[in-house]
Amino acid sequence: MKTLLAFSRQRRLWVCGWTAACTMVASHLGAQSVAPRITSEITNSEQATLKGSLHPMAQARFDAGRVPADTKLNGASIYFSRTAEQEADLQQLIAAQQDPASQLYHQWLTPDEFAVRFGVADSDIAKVTSWLEQQGFSVDAVSRSKNRVTFSGTVGQVEAVFGTEMHYFSVDGKTRFAPSTDISVPAALASLVQTVGNLSTFRPKPHVRLGRSATAPRPLFTSSQSGSHFLSPGDIAVIYDINSAYKAGYTGAGQAIAIVGQSEIYASDIENFQSAAGLPTKAPTMILVPNSGTPEVSSGDEAESDLDVEWSGAIATGASIYLGRL
C-alpha cells in the first residue's frame, strides 16, 4: 500500500535538510571508512560539561521543584557529532547535490549509506552502548545512520550519570521538566557526544503566527455574524477542481496518509469537525514514533496537527489517516 507523507509545516524544513544531506552515488562509497574516536577507557571519574545543553527556559525563576527520582524517562538519545572533516565533506556534498551540473545532483543516500560516510565507527557505538548498560540504562535502538543511540531509564539514573538535577519549570502557565544545569559526560566521550536529547519536555514553538495585523492576509468576509471567512470541504473541492477526480472514483480508498507532528490531539476534535462538515466520522490512528520522548498535547502545535488530520481526511475521504507524534 502506498503511503503519502504529509508533514506538519514545522517539520518540513528539517526533513528537507535531512534528505538533502543524504545524497551521493553508491560508487563513491566503497573506499569510505569511519575511524574510531574513543581512545581511552570510559569512566565516570573524569567528566566534561556539554556547554549549551541547558534549555533556555530552565531558569531559577521558573523552578517548580525536583522531579521524583523514580520517574521513567523513555526515548532519551545520545547524539554524536561529526568530525571537522566529515562536516566539511557533508557541506560539499550538499552543494553538489543541489547543482544540476554535478554528477551527484539528486543522488540520494539510504541511512545505511549515510552511516558509512558520516556516522560513528561501530566500535565507538559498541563502547557507548556498553557504558550506558553499565549505568543501568536500557539501550533501545541505534540509528541506521549511526549518529544516535536511544536509551531509557529513570530520573535518578540520569541525574547520577549526567551530573545534573531534573527539575520542573512553570512557564506561561504550563509545567515542563528539564535538566536544571548543563549536563556532563565522561571525558572520553567529550569529542564524540554532541548532546543528550529528550531529557526535557520543552518543545520547539513556531516563530511566526499570522493574526489580524496589517501584514496578515485579510480574506473577503462571508459571515455577517462573525465577520470571518469560511471554507467547507465542498468549497475546496470546487476551488481545486477535485470533484472531477471524485466522479472518476478517486477518493483515496486503499491509500494511507501519514502525518507527523509534535503534539498529541483529541480525537473528539476531529470527530466534531467531520460531523460539522457532513463527513463520515472516522478517527485517525495515532502512533507515538519510537524513541521520540514523552507524548503530550502542546497547545502551540495541537492546532497544526488538527488541521492536517482534518483536511487530509476531508479531501481524501476514503484514505486511512495516521498521526505520528515526534
Protein backbone atom coordinates (compact mmCIF):
# COMPACT_ATOMS: atom_id res chain seq x y z
CA MET A 1 0.00 0.00 0.00
CA LYS A 2 1.37 3.34 -0.99
CA THR A 3 1.80 5.92 1.73
CA LEU A 4 1.66 9.66 1.33
CA LEU A 5 3.68 11.55 3.92
CA ALA A 6 2.11 14.80 4.99
CA PHE A 7 4.44 16.53 7.42
CA SER A 8 3.41 19.42 9.63
CA ARG A 9 4.92 22.68 8.43
CA GLN A 10 7.25 22.93 11.41
CA ARG A 11 8.95 19.67 10.36
CA ARG A 12 9.18 20.24 6.61
CA LEU A 13 12.41 22.25 6.62
CA TRP A 14 14.02 19.74 8.96
CA VAL A 15 13.02 16.83 6.75
CA CYS A 16 14.18 18.59 3.58
CA GLY A 17 17.53 19.33 5.20
CA TRP A 18 17.99 15.70 6.26
CA THR A 19 17.05 14.45 2.80
CA ALA A 20 19.44 16.93 1.23
CA ALA A 21 22.23 15.56 3.37
CA CYS A 22 21.58 12.00 2.23
CA THR A 23 22.84 12.19 -1.33
CA MET A 24 25.69 10.54 -3.19
CA VAL A 25 26.15 7.82 -5.78
CA ALA A 26 26.97 4.43 -4.32
CA SER A 27 30.12 4.03 -6.41
CA HIS A 28 31.78 6.78 -4.38
CA LEU A 29 31.22 5.00 -1.08
CA GLY A 30 33.37 1.92 -1.40
CA ALA A 31 36.58 3.50 -0.09
CA GLN A 32 34.89 5.36 2.75
CA SER A 33 35.52 4.29 6.35
CA VAL A 34 34.98 5.88 9.76
CA ALA A 35 37.89 5.88 12.18
CA PRO A 36 37.25 5.16 15.90
CA ARG A 37 37.27 8.28 18.06
CA ILE A 38 37.14 6.86 21.60
CA THR A 39 40.79 6.47 22.52
CA SER A 40 40.61 5.90 26.29
CA GLU A 41 38.52 3.97 28.79
CA ILE A 42 35.09 5.44 29.53
CA THR A 43 35.00 6.19 33.25
CA ASN A 44 32.77 8.45 35.32
CA SER A 45 35.67 9.82 37.37
CA GLU A 46 36.57 12.46 34.77
CA GLN A 47 33.66 14.49 33.44
CA ALA A 48 33.34 17.09 30.68
CA THR A 49 30.48 19.60 30.60
CA LEU A 50 28.43 19.88 27.41
CA LYS A 51 28.22 23.65 27.12
CA GLY A 52 24.90 24.90 25.79
CA SER A 53 22.96 21.78 26.79
CA LEU A 54 20.84 23.72 29.34
CA HIS A 55 17.42 24.62 27.95
CA PRO A 56 16.95 28.43 27.87
CA MET A 57 13.68 28.18 29.83
CA ALA A 58 15.26 26.11 32.61
CA GLN A 59 15.78 29.20 34.75
CA ALA A 60 15.72 29.54 38.53
CA ARG A 61 12.79 31.99 38.38
CA PHE A 62 10.64 29.31 36.74
CA ASP A 63 11.77 26.47 39.02
CA ALA A 64 8.90 24.38 40.43
CA GLY A 65 10.85 21.71 42.29
CA ARG A 66 12.62 18.40 41.74
CA VAL A 67 11.28 15.63 39.54
CA PRO A 68 10.85 12.38 41.55
CA ALA A 69 13.89 10.14 41.12
CA ASP A 70 11.80 7.11 40.12
CA THR A 71 10.14 8.93 37.20
CA LYS A 72 10.63 6.96 33.99
CA LEU A 73 12.34 8.64 31.03
CA ASN A 74 11.83 6.93 27.70
CA GLY A 75 13.44 7.69 24.35
CA ALA A 76 16.41 9.74 25.56
CA SER A 77 19.16 9.88 22.95
CA ILE A 78 22.89 10.47 22.79
CA TYR A 79 23.60 12.39 19.57
CA PHE A 80 27.08 12.06 18.10
CA SER A 81 28.92 14.94 16.48
CA ARG A 82 30.69 14.75 13.13
CA THR A 83 34.40 15.37 12.83
CA ALA A 84 35.53 18.58 11.14
CA GLU A 85 36.46 16.54 8.07
CA GLN A 86 33.04 14.85 7.97
CA GLU A 87 31.26 18.17 8.32
CA ALA A 88 33.29 19.76 5.50
CA ASP A 89 32.65 16.72 3.33
CA LEU A 90 28.93 16.86 4.09
CA GLN A 91 28.64 20.56 3.20
CA GLN A 92 30.49 19.92 -0.07
CA LEU A 93 28.13 17.05 -0.80
CA ILE A 94 25.03 19.15 -0.13
CA ALA A 95 26.29 21.82 -2.51
CA ALA A 96 26.99 19.23 -5.21
CA GLN A 97 23.59 17.61 -4.94
CA GLN A 98 21.90 20.95 -5.49
CA ASP A 99 24.00 21.68 -8.59
CA PRO A 100 22.32 20.34 -11.79
CA ALA A 101 25.74 20.22 -13.45
CA SER A 102 27.14 17.86 -10.81
CA GLN A 103 27.23 14.09 -11.21
CA LEU A 104 25.90 13.92 -7.64
CA TYR A 105 22.80 16.00 -8.41
CA HIS A 106 19.79 14.38 -6.72
CA GLN A 107 21.64 11.17 -5.95
CA TRP A 108 20.03 10.05 -2.70
CA LEU A 109 21.64 8.03 0.07
CA THR A 110 19.94 5.48 2.28
CA PRO A 111 20.54 5.85 6.03
CA ASP A 112 22.98 2.94 5.83
CA GLU A 113 24.98 4.65 3.07
CA PHE A 114 24.94 7.89 5.05
CA ALA A 115 26.34 6.00 8.06
CA VAL A 116 29.33 4.73 6.06
CA ARG A 117 30.49 8.24 5.38
CA PHE A 118 29.12 10.49 8.12
CA GLY A 119 28.30 8.20 11.06
CA VAL A 120 30.29 6.91 14.01
CA ALA A 121 32.50 3.82 13.99
CA ASP A 122 30.86 0.58 15.07
CA SER A 123 33.47 0.12 17.77
CA ASP A 124 32.62 3.53 19.27
CA ILE A 125 28.90 2.72 19.25
CA ALA A 126 29.61 -0.60 20.97
CA LYS A 127 31.60 1.17 23.70
CA VAL A 128 28.86 3.78 24.26
CA THR A 129 26.07 1.20 24.44
CA SER A 130 28.12 -0.93 26.82
CA TRP A 131 28.75 2.09 29.06
CA LEU A 132 25.05 3.01 29.09
CA GLU A 133 24.09 -0.51 30.10
CA GLN A 134 26.70 -0.45 32.87
CA GLN A 135 24.97 2.65 34.25
CA GLY A 136 21.68 0.74 34.42
CA PHE A 137 20.05 2.18 31.31
CA SER A 138 18.30 0.04 28.73
CA VAL A 139 19.55 0.65 25.19
CA ASP A 140 16.52 0.86 22.91
CA ALA A 141 18.00 1.46 19.46
CA VAL A 142 20.97 2.57 17.36
CA SER A 143 20.00 4.72 14.40
CA ARG A 144 20.74 3.29 10.96
CA SER A 145 22.69 6.44 10.18
CA LYS A 146 24.91 5.69 13.21
CA ASN A 147 24.68 9.14 14.71
CA ARG A 148 22.36 8.40 17.65
CA VAL A 149 21.87 5.85 20.44
CA THR A 150 18.48 5.83 22.16
CA PHE A 151 18.08 4.64 25.75
CA SER A 152 15.63 4.66 28.67
CA GLY A 153 15.95 4.85 32.43
CA THR A 154 14.87 6.83 35.47
CA VAL A 155 15.37 10.43 36.51
CA GLY A 156 17.66 9.25 39.31
CA GLN A 157 19.90 7.45 36.84
CA VAL A 158 20.05 10.48 34.53
CA GLU A 159 20.98 12.76 37.41
CA ALA A 160 23.72 10.46 38.64
CA VAL A 161 25.23 9.72 35.23
CA PHE A 162 24.96 13.14 33.58
CA GLY A 163 25.77 15.30 36.60
CA THR A 164 22.58 17.35 36.86
CA GLU A 165 19.26 17.63 38.68
CA MET A 166 15.94 17.22 36.88
CA HIS A 167 13.50 19.97 37.83
CA TYR A 168 10.01 21.06 36.92
CA PHE A 169 9.71 24.55 35.41
CA SER A 170 6.48 26.54 35.23
CA VAL A 171 6.48 28.78 32.16
CA ASP A 172 3.44 30.60 30.75
CA GLY A 173 1.09 28.61 32.92
CA LYS A 174 2.46 25.22 31.86
CA THR A 175 4.78 22.89 33.70
CA ARG A 176 7.64 21.15 31.91
CA PHE A 177 10.66 19.27 33.18
CA ALA A 178 14.30 19.52 32.11
CA PRO A 179 17.84 19.33 33.49
CA SER A 180 18.49 22.32 35.74
CA THR A 181 22.15 22.65 34.67
CA ASP A 182 24.33 21.86 31.68
CA ILE A 183 24.82 18.11 31.58
CA SER A 184 28.17 16.35 31.58
CA VAL A 185 29.55 13.14 30.10
CA PRO A 186 32.74 11.16 30.71
CA ALA A 187 35.79 12.96 29.32
CA ALA A 188 36.46 10.02 26.99
CA LEU A 189 33.22 10.87 25.18
CA ALA A 190 33.61 14.65 25.08
CA SER A 191 34.75 14.86 21.45
CA LEU A 192 32.16 12.35 20.31
CA VAL A 193 28.93 13.45 22.01
CA GLN A 194 27.13 16.48 20.63
CA THR A 195 24.25 16.46 23.13
CA VAL A 196 21.81 14.25 25.01
CA GLY A 197 18.28 14.80 23.77
CA ASN A 198 14.75 14.12 25.04
CA LEU A 199 15.64 14.76 28.66
CA SER A 200 13.21 17.68 28.53
CA THR A 201 9.50 18.08 27.79
CA PHE A 202 10.00 21.59 26.41
CA ARG A 203 9.13 21.56 22.70
CA PRO A 204 10.03 23.97 19.88
CA LYS A 205 7.46 26.64 19.12
CA PRO A 206 6.67 28.24 15.74
CA HIS A 207 8.33 31.61 15.26
CA VAL A 208 5.61 33.09 13.05
CA ARG A 209 1.89 33.22 13.79
CA LEU A 210 -0.45 35.08 11.48
CA GLY A 211 -3.01 37.26 13.22
CA ARG A 212 -5.24 40.18 12.49
CA SER A 213 -2.42 42.59 11.74
CA ALA A 214 -1.72 44.94 8.89
CA THR A 215 0.63 42.40 7.31
CA ALA A 216 -1.63 39.35 7.74
CA PRO A 217 -3.88 38.16 4.88
CA ARG A 218 -7.41 39.57 5.03
CA PRO A 219 -9.88 37.39 3.15
CA LEU A 220 -13.25 38.58 1.93
CA PHE A 221 -15.74 38.14 4.71
CA THR A 222 -18.56 35.65 4.16
CA SER A 223 -20.24 35.68 7.56
CA SER A 224 -22.38 38.62 8.59
CA GLN A 225 -22.38 37.32 12.16
CA SER A 226 -18.71 36.68 12.88
CA GLY A 227 -17.05 38.62 10.07
CA SER A 228 -14.95 35.58 9.23
CA HIS A 229 -14.28 33.74 6.00
CA PHE A 230 -15.10 30.04 5.99
CA LEU A 231 -14.45 27.19 3.58
CA SER A 232 -16.01 23.76 3.74
CA PRO A 233 -14.57 20.59 2.16
CA GLY A 234 -17.07 21.08 -0.66
CA ASP A 235 -15.68 24.56 -1.35
CA ILE A 236 -12.15 23.18 -1.55
CA ALA A 237 -13.31 20.50 -3.99
CA VAL A 238 -14.74 23.21 -6.26
CA ILE A 239 -11.80 25.62 -5.98
CA TYR A 240 -9.20 22.95 -6.80
CA ASP A 241 -11.40 21.01 -9.25
CA ILE A 242 -11.31 17.84 -7.16
CA ASN A 243 -14.90 16.91 -8.00
CA SER A 244 -13.81 15.53 -11.36
CA ALA A 245 -11.44 13.15 -9.56
CA TYR A 246 -14.23 12.12 -7.19
CA LYS A 247 -16.54 11.39 -10.12
CA ALA A 248 -13.82 9.21 -11.65
CA GLY A 249 -13.75 7.17 -8.46
CA TYR A 250 -10.62 8.61 -6.82
CA THR A 251 -11.34 9.08 -3.12
CA GLY A 252 -8.10 7.83 -1.59
CA ALA A 253 -9.57 4.41 -0.88
CA GLY A 254 -6.84 1.85 -0.27
CA GLN A 255 -4.28 4.58 0.48
CA ALA A 256 -2.79 5.84 3.75
CA ILE A 257 -1.77 9.37 4.70
CA ALA A 258 0.85 9.63 7.46
CA ILE A 259 1.04 12.99 9.22
CA VAL A 260 3.98 13.75 11.50
CA GLY A 261 3.59 16.40 14.19
CA GLN A 262 4.90 17.16 17.66
CA SER A 263 1.64 17.18 19.63
CA GLU A 264 -0.99 14.67 20.60
CA ILE A 265 -4.56 15.60 19.63
CA TYR A 266 -8.04 14.96 20.97
CA ALA A 267 -9.95 12.56 18.74
CA SER A 268 -13.17 14.34 19.67
CA ASP A 269 -11.95 17.50 17.86
CA ILE A 270 -11.59 15.52 14.63
CA GLU A 271 -14.98 13.88 15.05
CA ASN A 272 -16.65 17.27 15.68
CA PHE A 273 -15.08 18.68 12.50
CA GLN A 274 -16.22 15.70 10.45
CA SER A 275 -19.71 15.92 11.86
CA ALA A 276 -19.98 19.68 11.18
CA ALA A 277 -18.70 19.18 7.61
CA GLY A 278 -21.15 16.38 6.89
CA LEU A 279 -18.40 13.78 6.57
CA PRO A 280 -18.41 10.20 7.86
CA THR A 281 -16.93 10.05 11.34
CA LYS A 282 -13.57 8.27 11.19
CA ALA A 283 -10.94 8.76 13.88
CA PRO A 284 -7.28 8.79 12.84
CA THR A 285 -4.85 6.15 14.04
CA MET A 286 -2.43 7.83 16.46
CA ILE A 287 1.08 6.40 16.78
CA LEU A 288 3.92 7.52 19.04
CA VAL A 289 7.05 7.49 16.88
CA PRO A 290 9.53 5.14 18.60
CA ASN A 291 12.22 6.79 20.72
CA SER A 292 10.72 10.27 20.36
CA GLY A 293 10.16 11.08 24.03
CA THR A 294 7.07 11.51 26.18
CA PRO A 295 3.76 12.16 24.33
CA GLU A 296 1.70 15.19 25.33
CA VAL A 297 -0.72 17.77 23.97
CA SER A 298 1.10 21.01 23.10
CA SER A 299 -1.25 23.95 22.67
CA GLY A 300 1.04 25.70 20.20
CA ASP A 301 1.24 22.66 17.92
CA GLU A 302 -2.05 20.86 18.52
CA ALA A 303 -3.98 23.13 16.15
CA GLU A 304 -1.49 22.42 13.35
CA SER A 305 -1.89 18.68 13.84
CA ASP A 306 -5.69 19.06 14.00
CA LEU A 307 -5.76 20.94 10.70
CA ASP A 308 -3.53 18.44 8.93
CA VAL A 309 -5.59 15.48 10.12
CA GLU A 310 -8.96 17.13 9.46
CA TRP A 311 -8.29 18.40 5.97
CA SER A 312 -6.31 15.45 4.66
CA GLY A 313 -9.23 13.23 5.64
CA ALA A 314 -11.74 15.72 4.28
CA ILE A 315 -10.11 15.70 0.83
CA ALA A 316 -9.07 12.03 0.64
CA THR A 317 -12.30 10.77 2.18
CA GLY A 318 -11.51 7.12 1.57
CA ALA A 319 -7.94 7.13 2.87
CA SER A 320 -6.72 5.88 6.24
CA ILE A 321 -5.20 8.72 8.29
CA TYR A 322 -2.28 8.15 10.65
CA LEU A 323 -0.87 10.74 13.04
CA GLY A 324 2.69 10.10 14.20
CA ARG A 325 3.90 12.16 17.16
CA LEU A 326 7.60 13.12 17.16
